[in-house]
Amino acid sequence: MLELKDYSQRRLGDRDQLSFDIEKFLKQVDSDVFVEAVAERLNCSVINILSRVQQVPGLKRNYIIRDGCTKTILRIEK
């Protein structure tokens, strides 16, 4: 599993590459709590990208992350 720090300290660069990296990251996540921690640590620009990654193959649930800029809400739909 990828470490949280890899994403919390990532510089924003090419959005397509970043979106791919985060989708790859989400495919490896197996803990709801860990996903919430990632969402809270990421900045608004990355969260905007994450909001488009609504369903990731390989996960049992859909992760929908909404951007509140100061606080991130992670909703898990069964």
N, C-alpha and C. Protein backbone atom coordinates (compact mmCIF):
# COMPACT_ATOMS: atom_id res chain seq x y z
N MET A 1 0.84 -1.19 0.00
CA MET A 1 0.00 0.00 0.00
C MET A 1 0.88 1.25 0.00
N LEU A 2 0.45 2.25 -0.71
CA LEU A 2 1.20 3.51 -0.75
C LEU A 2 1.05 4.25 0.56
N GLU A 3 2.06 5.00 0.90
CA GLU A 3 2.04 5.72 2.17
C GLU A 3 1.27 7.04 2.02
N LEU A 4 0.63 7.45 3.09
CA LEU A 4 -0.13 8.70 3.10
C LEU A 4 0.77 9.88 2.75
N LYS A 5 1.99 9.89 3.26
CA LYS A 5 2.88 11.03 3.05
C LYS A 5 3.21 11.25 1.57
N ASP A 6 3.13 10.18 0.78
CA ASP A 6 3.40 10.31 -0.65
C ASP A 6 2.42 11.27 -1.32
N TYR A 7 1.22 11.37 -0.77
CA TYR A 7 0.21 12.23 -1.36
C TYR A 7 0.03 13.54 -0.61
N SER A 8 0.24 13.53 0.69
CA SER A 8 0.05 14.76 1.45
C SER A 8 1.13 15.78 1.13
N GLN A 9 2.28 15.31 0.65
CA GLN A 9 3.38 16.23 0.36
C GLN A 9 3.66 16.37 -1.14
N ARG A 10 2.78 15.81 -1.97
CA ARG A 10 2.98 15.87 -3.41
C ARG A 10 2.77 17.28 -3.94
N ARG A 11 3.64 17.69 -4.82
CA ARG A 11 3.46 18.97 -5.49
C ARG A 11 2.45 18.81 -6.61
N LEU A 12 1.60 19.79 -6.77
CA LEU A 12 0.63 19.72 -7.86
C LEU A 12 1.34 19.99 -9.18
N GLY A 13 1.19 19.05 -10.08
CA GLY A 13 1.82 19.20 -11.40
C GLY A 13 0.80 18.92 -12.47
N ASP A 14 1.12 18.01 -13.33
CA ASP A 14 0.20 17.64 -14.40
C ASP A 14 -1.03 16.97 -13.81
N ARG A 15 -2.18 17.56 -14.04
CA ARG A 15 -3.41 17.06 -13.42
C ARG A 15 -3.77 15.65 -13.91
N ASP A 16 -3.54 15.37 -15.18
CA ASP A 16 -3.85 14.04 -15.69
C ASP A 16 -3.02 12.98 -14.98
N GLN A 17 -1.74 13.26 -14.82
CA GLN A 17 -0.86 12.31 -14.15
C GLN A 17 -1.25 12.17 -12.68
N LEU A 18 -1.58 13.28 -12.04
CA LEU A 18 -1.97 13.25 -10.64
C LEU A 18 -3.26 12.46 -10.46
N SER A 19 -4.21 12.67 -11.37
CA SER A 19 -5.47 11.95 -11.31
C SER A 19 -5.22 10.45 -11.45
N PHE A 20 -4.34 10.08 -12.34
CA PHE A 20 -3.99 8.67 -12.53
C PHE A 20 -3.34 8.10 -11.27
N ASP A 21 -2.43 8.86 -10.69
CA ASP A 21 -1.75 8.40 -9.49
C ASP A 21 -2.74 8.17 -8.35
N ILE A 22 -3.69 9.07 -8.20
CA ILE A 22 -4.64 8.94 -7.10
C ILE A 22 -5.60 7.79 -7.34
N GLU A 23 -5.99 7.60 -8.60
CA GLU A 23 -6.86 6.45 -8.90
C GLU A 23 -6.12 5.16 -8.60
N LYS A 24 -4.85 5.09 -8.98
CA LYS A 24 -4.02 3.92 -8.68
C LYS A 24 -3.92 3.73 -7.16
N PHE A 25 -3.77 4.83 -6.45
CA PHE A 25 -3.69 4.78 -4.99
C PHE A 25 -4.99 4.24 -4.39
N LEU A 26 -6.12 4.76 -4.88
CA LEU A 26 -7.41 4.33 -4.32
C LEU A 26 -7.66 2.85 -4.55
N LYS A 27 -7.15 2.31 -5.64
CA LYS A 27 -7.34 0.89 -5.92
C LYS A 27 -6.66 0.02 -4.87
N GLN A 28 -5.65 0.56 -4.20
CA GLN A 28 -4.91 -0.21 -3.22
C GLN A 28 -5.42 -0.02 -1.79
N VAL A 29 -6.36 0.89 -1.62
CA VAL A 29 -6.85 1.20 -0.28
C VAL A 29 -7.84 0.13 0.17
N ASP A 30 -7.66 -0.36 1.36
CA ASP A 30 -8.58 -1.36 1.90
C ASP A 30 -9.14 -0.96 3.25
N SER A 31 -8.98 0.29 3.61
CA SER A 31 -9.47 0.76 4.90
C SER A 31 -10.19 2.09 4.74
N ASP A 32 -11.46 2.14 5.19
CA ASP A 32 -12.24 3.37 5.11
C ASP A 32 -11.59 4.49 5.90
N VAL A 33 -11.06 4.15 7.07
CA VAL A 33 -10.43 5.14 7.92
C VAL A 33 -9.21 5.74 7.22
N PHE A 34 -8.45 4.89 6.54
CA PHE A 34 -7.26 5.37 5.84
C PHE A 34 -7.65 6.32 4.71
N VAL A 35 -8.71 5.99 3.99
CA VAL A 35 -9.19 6.87 2.91
C VAL A 35 -9.60 8.22 3.47
N GLU A 36 -10.28 8.22 4.61
CA GLU A 36 -10.68 9.48 5.22
C GLU A 36 -9.46 10.31 5.61
N ALA A 37 -8.43 9.65 6.13
CA ALA A 37 -7.22 10.36 6.51
C ALA A 37 -6.56 10.98 5.29
N VAL A 38 -6.53 10.25 4.20
CA VAL A 38 -5.96 10.79 2.97
C VAL A 38 -6.74 12.00 2.50
N ALA A 39 -8.06 11.88 2.50
CA ALA A 39 -8.91 12.97 2.03
C ALA A 39 -8.70 14.24 2.84
N GLU A 40 -8.53 14.07 4.15
CA GLU A 40 -8.36 15.23 5.02
C GLU A 40 -7.00 15.89 4.84
N ARG A 41 -6.01 15.12 4.42
CA ARG A 41 -4.66 15.67 4.28
C ARG A 41 -4.42 16.34 2.93
N LEU A 42 -5.21 15.97 1.93
CA LEU A 42 -4.99 16.52 0.59
C LEU A 42 -5.54 17.94 0.48
N ASN A 43 -4.95 18.72 -0.42
CA ASN A 43 -5.44 20.09 -0.59
C ASN A 43 -6.59 20.15 -1.59
N CYS A 44 -7.17 21.32 -1.74
CA CYS A 44 -8.39 21.47 -2.54
C CYS A 44 -8.21 21.04 -3.99
N SER A 45 -7.08 21.37 -4.58
CA SER A 45 -6.89 21.05 -5.99
C SER A 45 -6.91 19.55 -6.22
N VAL A 46 -6.27 18.82 -5.35
CA VAL A 46 -6.25 17.36 -5.49
C VAL A 46 -7.63 16.80 -5.21
N ILE A 47 -8.33 17.36 -4.23
CA ILE A 47 -9.66 16.88 -3.89
C ILE A 47 -10.62 17.11 -5.06
N ASN A 48 -10.45 18.21 -5.78
CA ASN A 48 -11.28 18.43 -6.96
C ASN A 48 -11.09 17.32 -7.98
N ILE A 49 -9.85 16.86 -8.11
CA ILE A 49 -9.58 15.74 -9.01
C ILE A 49 -10.23 14.48 -8.45
N LEU A 50 -10.08 14.26 -7.15
CA LEU A 50 -10.64 13.07 -6.52
C LEU A 50 -12.16 13.00 -6.66
N SER A 51 -12.81 14.16 -6.69
CA SER A 51 -14.26 14.15 -6.78
C SER A 51 -14.74 13.54 -8.09
N ARG A 52 -13.85 13.49 -9.08
CA ARG A 52 -14.22 12.86 -10.35
C ARG A 52 -13.96 11.36 -10.35
N VAL A 53 -13.22 10.89 -9.36
CA VAL A 53 -12.94 9.46 -9.27
C VAL A 53 -13.99 8.86 -8.35
N GLN A 54 -15.19 8.67 -8.89
CA GLN A 54 -16.31 8.27 -8.04
C GLN A 54 -16.41 6.77 -7.87
N GLN A 55 -16.02 6.02 -8.88
CA GLN A 55 -16.08 4.58 -8.75
C GLN A 55 -14.78 4.00 -9.26
N VAL A 56 -14.13 3.23 -8.41
CA VAL A 56 -12.84 2.67 -8.76
C VAL A 56 -12.97 1.15 -8.80
N PRO A 57 -12.65 0.54 -9.94
CA PRO A 57 -12.73 -0.93 -10.03
C PRO A 57 -11.87 -1.58 -8.95
N GLY A 58 -12.40 -2.65 -8.36
CA GLY A 58 -11.65 -3.36 -7.34
C GLY A 58 -12.08 -3.00 -5.93
N LEU A 59 -12.78 -1.87 -5.78
CA LEU A 59 -13.28 -1.51 -4.45
C LEU A 59 -14.71 -2.01 -4.31
N LYS A 60 -15.09 -2.35 -3.10
CA LYS A 60 -16.44 -2.84 -2.85
C LYS A 60 -17.45 -1.70 -2.77
N ARG A 61 -16.95 -0.49 -2.56
CA ARG A 61 -17.84 0.65 -2.40
C ARG A 61 -17.39 1.79 -3.31
N ASN A 62 -18.30 2.73 -3.51
CA ASN A 62 -17.95 3.94 -4.25
C ASN A 62 -17.51 5.01 -3.26
N TYR A 63 -16.37 5.60 -3.54
CA TYR A 63 -15.86 6.67 -2.69
C TYR A 63 -16.13 8.00 -3.37
N ILE A 64 -16.93 8.83 -2.74
CA ILE A 64 -17.24 10.14 -3.29
C ILE A 64 -16.70 11.19 -2.33
N ILE A 65 -15.75 11.96 -2.82
CA ILE A 65 -15.11 12.97 -1.98
C ILE A 65 -15.51 14.35 -2.46
N ARG A 66 -16.10 15.12 -1.57
CA ARG A 66 -16.55 16.46 -1.93
C ARG A 66 -15.60 17.49 -1.36
N ASP A 67 -15.45 18.58 -2.09
CA ASP A 67 -14.49 19.60 -1.70
C ASP A 67 -15.16 20.72 -0.93
N GLY A 68 -14.78 20.86 0.35
CA GLY A 68 -15.24 21.99 1.13
C GLY A 68 -14.10 22.95 1.39
N CYS A 69 -12.97 22.68 0.79
CA CYS A 69 -11.74 23.45 0.90
C CYS A 69 -11.15 23.44 2.31
N THR A 70 -11.92 23.81 3.29
CA THR A 70 -11.37 23.79 4.64
C THR A 70 -11.58 22.43 5.30
N LYS A 71 -12.62 21.73 4.89
CA LYS A 71 -12.88 20.40 5.45
C LYS A 71 -13.40 19.49 4.34
N THR A 72 -12.88 18.30 4.29
CA THR A 72 -13.28 17.35 3.26
C THR A 72 -14.28 16.36 3.83
N ILE A 73 -15.30 16.10 3.05
CA ILE A 73 -16.31 15.12 3.46
C ILE A 73 -16.16 13.90 2.56
N LEU A 74 -16.03 12.75 3.18
CA LEU A 74 -15.95 11.50 2.44
C LEU A 74 -17.24 10.73 2.70
N ARG A 75 -17.99 10.50 1.64
CA ARG A 75 -19.24 9.75 1.77
C ARG A 75 -19.03 8.37 1.15
N ILE A 76 -19.38 7.35 1.88
CA ILE A 76 -19.25 5.99 1.38
C ILE A 76 -20.64 5.44 1.10
N GLU A 77 -20.89 5.10 -0.15
CA GLU A 77 -22.18 4.54 -0.54
C GLU A 77 -22.04 3.04 -0.69
N LYS A 78 -22.96 2.31 -0.09
CA LYS A 78 -22.93 0.85 -0.21
C LYS A 78 -23.72 0.43 -1.44
